[in-house]
N, C-alpha and C. Protein backbone atom coordinates (compact mmCIF):
# COMPACT_ATOMS: atom_id res chain seq x y z
N MET A 1 35.81 73.90 67.77
CA MET A 1 35.73 72.59 68.39
C MET A 1 35.18 72.74 69.81
N ALA A 2 34.41 71.78 70.24
CA ALA A 2 33.77 71.81 71.56
C ALA A 2 34.80 71.64 72.67
N ASP A 3 34.47 72.16 73.84
CA ASP A 3 35.31 71.96 75.03
C ASP A 3 35.13 70.51 75.46
N LEU A 4 36.18 69.70 75.32
CA LEU A 4 36.09 68.27 75.58
C LEU A 4 36.60 67.90 76.96
N LYS A 5 36.89 68.88 77.81
CA LYS A 5 37.36 68.58 79.16
C LYS A 5 36.19 68.12 80.02
N PHE A 6 36.36 66.99 80.66
CA PHE A 6 35.30 66.39 81.47
C PHE A 6 35.25 67.04 82.84
N LYS A 7 34.04 67.47 83.24
CA LYS A 7 33.82 68.05 84.56
C LYS A 7 32.66 67.30 85.19
N PRO A 8 32.94 66.33 86.08
CA PRO A 8 31.85 65.54 86.65
C PRO A 8 30.91 66.37 87.51
N VAL A 9 29.65 65.99 87.48
CA VAL A 9 28.63 66.63 88.30
C VAL A 9 28.36 65.71 89.49
N ARG A 10 28.43 66.26 90.68
CA ARG A 10 28.23 65.47 91.90
C ARG A 10 26.75 65.06 92.00
N HIS A 11 26.52 63.76 92.24
CA HIS A 11 25.16 63.24 92.33
C HIS A 11 25.16 62.08 93.32
N ASP A 12 24.26 62.14 94.29
CA ASP A 12 24.13 61.07 95.28
C ASP A 12 22.94 60.21 94.87
N GLN A 13 23.22 59.13 94.12
CA GLN A 13 22.17 58.27 93.59
C GLN A 13 21.35 57.62 94.70
N ALA A 14 22.01 57.18 95.77
CA ALA A 14 21.31 56.53 96.88
C ALA A 14 20.31 57.48 97.53
N ALA A 15 20.72 58.71 97.78
CA ALA A 15 19.82 59.70 98.39
C ALA A 15 18.67 60.04 97.45
N PHE A 16 18.98 60.17 96.17
CA PHE A 16 17.94 60.45 95.18
C PHE A 16 16.89 59.35 95.18
N LEU A 17 17.34 58.08 95.14
CA LEU A 17 16.40 56.96 95.11
C LEU A 17 15.59 56.86 96.40
N ALA A 18 16.23 57.10 97.54
CA ALA A 18 15.53 57.04 98.82
C ALA A 18 14.38 58.05 98.85
N LYS A 19 14.64 59.23 98.36
CA LYS A 19 13.60 60.27 98.33
C LYS A 19 12.52 59.92 97.30
N ALA A 20 12.95 59.45 96.13
CA ALA A 20 12.00 59.13 95.07
C ALA A 20 11.09 57.97 95.44
N ARG A 21 11.60 56.99 96.19
CA ARG A 21 10.81 55.81 96.57
C ARG A 21 9.62 56.19 97.47
N GLN A 22 9.62 57.37 98.03
CA GLN A 22 8.52 57.81 98.87
C GLN A 22 7.30 58.23 98.04
N ARG A 23 7.51 58.48 96.76
CA ARG A 23 6.40 58.89 95.89
C ARG A 23 5.57 57.68 95.49
N PRO A 24 4.25 57.82 95.49
CA PRO A 24 3.37 56.71 95.10
C PRO A 24 3.66 56.25 93.67
N GLY A 25 3.75 54.94 93.49
CA GLY A 25 3.95 54.38 92.16
C GLY A 25 5.38 54.34 91.68
N PHE A 26 6.30 54.99 92.41
CA PHE A 26 7.68 55.04 91.95
C PHE A 26 8.32 53.66 91.89
N ALA A 27 8.15 52.87 92.95
CA ALA A 27 8.81 51.56 93.01
C ALA A 27 8.41 50.68 91.83
N GLU A 28 7.14 50.65 91.49
CA GLU A 28 6.67 49.83 90.38
C GLU A 28 7.25 50.33 89.05
N ALA A 29 7.22 51.63 88.86
CA ALA A 29 7.75 52.21 87.62
C ALA A 29 9.25 51.96 87.50
N TYR A 30 9.96 52.11 88.61
CA TYR A 30 11.42 51.92 88.60
C TYR A 30 11.76 50.46 88.29
N GLU A 31 11.04 49.54 88.91
CA GLU A 31 11.30 48.12 88.67
C GLU A 31 11.00 47.73 87.23
N ALA A 32 9.99 48.34 86.63
CA ALA A 32 9.65 48.04 85.24
C ALA A 32 10.78 48.46 84.29
N LEU A 33 11.56 49.44 84.69
CA LEU A 33 12.67 49.93 83.85
C LEU A 33 14.03 49.55 84.42
N GLU A 34 14.08 48.54 85.27
CA GLU A 34 15.32 48.17 85.95
C GLU A 34 16.47 47.90 84.98
N LEU A 35 16.21 47.15 83.92
CA LEU A 35 17.27 46.84 82.95
C LEU A 35 17.76 48.10 82.25
N GLU A 36 16.84 48.98 81.88
CA GLU A 36 17.22 50.22 81.21
C GLU A 36 18.07 51.11 82.13
N TYR A 37 17.69 51.17 83.43
CA TYR A 37 18.47 51.96 84.37
C TYR A 37 19.86 51.36 84.57
N ALA A 38 19.94 50.03 84.61
CA ALA A 38 21.24 49.38 84.77
C ALA A 38 22.14 49.69 83.58
N LEU A 39 21.58 49.63 82.37
CA LEU A 39 22.36 49.94 81.17
C LEU A 39 22.81 51.40 81.18
N ALA A 40 21.89 52.32 81.50
CA ALA A 40 22.24 53.74 81.55
C ALA A 40 23.34 53.99 82.58
N GLY A 41 23.25 53.32 83.72
CA GLY A 41 24.29 53.46 84.75
C GLY A 41 25.64 52.98 84.26
N GLN A 42 25.66 51.86 83.55
CA GLN A 42 26.91 51.35 83.00
C GLN A 42 27.49 52.29 81.96
N MET A 43 26.62 52.86 81.14
CA MET A 43 27.08 53.80 80.11
C MET A 43 27.71 55.03 80.76
N LEU A 44 27.04 55.58 81.77
CA LEU A 44 27.57 56.76 82.45
C LEU A 44 28.89 56.45 83.14
N LYS A 45 28.98 55.28 83.77
CA LYS A 45 30.21 54.88 84.45
C LYS A 45 31.35 54.74 83.45
N ALA A 46 31.09 54.12 82.30
CA ALA A 46 32.12 53.93 81.29
C ALA A 46 32.59 55.27 80.73
N ARG A 47 31.63 56.18 80.48
CA ARG A 47 32.02 57.50 79.94
C ARG A 47 32.83 58.28 80.97
N THR A 48 32.42 58.20 82.24
CA THR A 48 33.15 58.89 83.30
C THR A 48 34.56 58.33 83.44
N LYS A 49 34.66 57.00 83.43
CA LYS A 49 35.97 56.36 83.54
C LYS A 49 36.89 56.75 82.39
N ALA A 50 36.30 56.93 81.20
CA ALA A 50 37.08 57.35 80.03
C ALA A 50 37.41 58.84 80.08
N GLY A 51 36.79 59.57 81.02
CA GLY A 51 37.05 61.00 81.15
C GLY A 51 36.51 61.82 79.99
N LEU A 52 35.37 61.38 79.45
CA LEU A 52 34.80 62.04 78.28
C LEU A 52 33.50 62.77 78.61
N THR A 53 33.26 63.84 77.90
CA THR A 53 31.98 64.54 77.98
C THR A 53 31.03 63.93 76.96
N GLN A 54 29.76 64.29 77.06
CA GLN A 54 28.80 63.85 76.04
C GLN A 54 29.20 64.41 74.68
N ASP A 55 29.71 65.63 74.65
CA ASP A 55 30.18 66.22 73.39
C ASP A 55 31.29 65.39 72.76
N ALA A 56 32.24 64.94 73.59
CA ALA A 56 33.37 64.15 73.08
C ALA A 56 32.89 62.81 72.52
N VAL A 57 31.97 62.15 73.24
CA VAL A 57 31.44 60.87 72.76
C VAL A 57 30.68 61.09 71.46
N ALA A 58 29.89 62.15 71.40
CA ALA A 58 29.13 62.47 70.19
C ALA A 58 30.08 62.68 69.01
N GLU A 59 31.15 63.40 69.24
CA GLU A 59 32.13 63.65 68.18
C GLU A 59 32.74 62.34 67.69
N ARG A 60 33.08 61.45 68.61
CA ARG A 60 33.67 60.16 68.25
C ARG A 60 32.68 59.29 67.49
N MET A 61 31.39 59.43 67.80
CA MET A 61 30.37 58.61 67.15
C MET A 61 29.80 59.27 65.90
N GLY A 62 30.15 60.51 65.67
CA GLY A 62 29.61 61.23 64.51
C GLY A 62 28.15 61.58 64.68
N THR A 63 27.78 61.98 65.89
CA THR A 63 26.38 62.33 66.18
C THR A 63 26.36 63.60 67.02
N THR A 64 25.24 63.88 67.66
CA THR A 64 25.10 65.11 68.45
C THR A 64 25.10 64.81 69.95
N LYS A 65 25.37 65.83 70.73
CA LYS A 65 25.33 65.72 72.19
C LYS A 65 23.92 65.32 72.64
N SER A 66 22.90 65.86 72.01
CA SER A 66 21.53 65.52 72.41
C SER A 66 21.23 64.05 72.15
N ALA A 67 21.80 63.48 71.10
CA ALA A 67 21.61 62.05 70.84
C ALA A 67 22.26 61.22 71.94
N ILE A 68 23.42 61.63 72.41
CA ILE A 68 24.10 60.93 73.50
C ILE A 68 23.30 61.07 74.78
N SER A 69 22.76 62.24 75.03
CA SER A 69 21.93 62.46 76.21
C SER A 69 20.73 61.52 76.20
N ARG A 70 20.10 61.35 75.04
CA ARG A 70 18.96 60.43 74.93
C ARG A 70 19.40 58.99 75.18
N LEU A 71 20.56 58.60 74.66
CA LEU A 71 21.08 57.25 74.88
C LEU A 71 21.29 56.97 76.37
N GLU A 72 21.76 57.97 77.10
CA GLU A 72 22.09 57.80 78.51
C GLU A 72 20.89 58.01 79.43
N SER A 73 19.72 58.27 78.87
CA SER A 73 18.51 58.49 79.66
C SER A 73 17.66 57.22 79.65
N ALA A 74 17.62 56.54 80.77
CA ALA A 74 16.88 55.28 80.87
C ALA A 74 15.40 55.47 80.60
N GLY A 75 14.84 54.56 79.81
CA GLY A 75 13.41 54.56 79.57
C GLY A 75 12.92 55.50 78.50
N ARG A 76 13.76 56.37 78.01
CA ARG A 76 13.31 57.33 77.01
C ARG A 76 13.62 56.87 75.59
N HIS A 77 14.58 55.96 75.46
CA HIS A 77 15.04 55.57 74.14
C HIS A 77 15.52 54.13 74.21
N ALA A 78 15.19 53.34 73.23
CA ALA A 78 15.66 51.95 73.16
C ALA A 78 16.68 51.87 72.03
N PRO A 79 17.96 52.00 72.36
CA PRO A 79 18.99 52.01 71.32
C PRO A 79 19.18 50.63 70.68
N SER A 80 19.60 50.63 69.44
CA SER A 80 19.89 49.39 68.74
C SER A 80 21.23 48.84 69.22
N LEU A 81 21.47 47.57 68.93
CA LEU A 81 22.77 46.98 69.27
C LEU A 81 23.90 47.69 68.53
N ALA A 82 23.64 48.07 67.29
CA ALA A 82 24.66 48.78 66.52
C ALA A 82 25.05 50.10 67.20
N THR A 83 24.05 50.82 67.70
CA THR A 83 24.33 52.08 68.39
C THR A 83 25.09 51.83 69.68
N LEU A 84 24.68 50.80 70.43
CA LEU A 84 25.39 50.47 71.67
C LEU A 84 26.84 50.07 71.40
N LYS A 85 27.09 49.36 70.30
CA LYS A 85 28.46 48.99 69.93
C LYS A 85 29.28 50.24 69.64
N ARG A 86 28.69 51.18 68.91
CA ARG A 86 29.40 52.43 68.58
C ARG A 86 29.69 53.23 69.85
N TYR A 87 28.72 53.28 70.77
CA TYR A 87 28.92 53.99 72.03
C TYR A 87 30.05 53.33 72.82
N ALA A 88 29.99 52.00 72.93
CA ALA A 88 31.02 51.27 73.67
C ALA A 88 32.40 51.56 73.08
N ALA A 89 32.53 51.51 71.78
CA ALA A 89 33.82 51.80 71.14
C ALA A 89 34.27 53.23 71.42
N ALA A 90 33.33 54.17 71.42
CA ALA A 90 33.66 55.58 71.65
C ALA A 90 34.20 55.82 73.05
N VAL A 91 33.75 55.01 74.03
CA VAL A 91 34.23 55.19 75.41
C VAL A 91 35.30 54.16 75.78
N GLY A 92 35.82 53.45 74.78
CA GLY A 92 36.92 52.53 75.01
C GLY A 92 36.51 51.21 75.65
N CYS A 93 35.31 50.72 75.31
CA CYS A 93 34.81 49.47 75.88
C CYS A 93 34.37 48.52 74.78
N ASP A 94 34.17 47.26 75.16
CA ASP A 94 33.52 46.28 74.31
C ASP A 94 32.11 46.08 74.84
N LEU A 95 31.18 45.79 73.95
CA LEU A 95 29.80 45.52 74.35
C LEU A 95 29.62 44.02 74.49
N GLN A 96 29.04 43.59 75.61
CA GLN A 96 28.70 42.19 75.82
C GLN A 96 27.21 42.09 76.13
N VAL A 97 26.54 41.16 75.45
CA VAL A 97 25.12 40.93 75.69
C VAL A 97 24.96 39.45 75.98
N LYS A 98 24.19 39.11 77.00
CA LYS A 98 23.99 37.69 77.29
C LYS A 98 22.58 37.44 77.78
N LEU A 99 22.10 36.25 77.53
CA LEU A 99 20.81 35.82 78.03
C LEU A 99 21.07 34.92 79.23
N VAL A 100 20.39 35.20 80.32
CA VAL A 100 20.58 34.46 81.57
C VAL A 100 19.31 33.69 81.87
N PRO A 101 19.40 32.36 82.03
CA PRO A 101 18.20 31.59 82.34
C PRO A 101 17.58 32.03 83.66
N HIS A 102 16.26 31.92 83.74
CA HIS A 102 15.55 32.21 84.99
C HIS A 102 16.01 31.21 86.05
N GLU A 103 16.07 31.66 87.27
CA GLU A 103 16.42 30.77 88.37
C GLU A 103 15.24 29.84 88.64
N ALA A 104 15.55 28.59 88.93
CA ALA A 104 14.50 27.62 89.27
C ALA A 104 13.89 27.99 90.61
N THR A 105 12.57 27.92 90.70
CA THR A 105 11.90 28.26 91.97
C THR A 105 11.37 27.03 92.65
């Protein structure tokens, strides 16, 4: 059985983004994937809060660690709602999806 003890990796997202924004084209590319990055961030936060490793989530979902890694990587994979529901259940969450009207200009 895999080692399921969670060991968080220290990461300063603000510093990473500040440095990355200096690269040409980064801002446009990042904004194009804003929703995907927001979802990936929520997934990572939920898994961290649950104290689970990618291996543990994979075991709960009946899949592999590499599949979980792809799910948590913004812009590389577009998961189905069914997969997102299974992920949410594995980390002890409910999935909510909503459509928000555009703001009037």
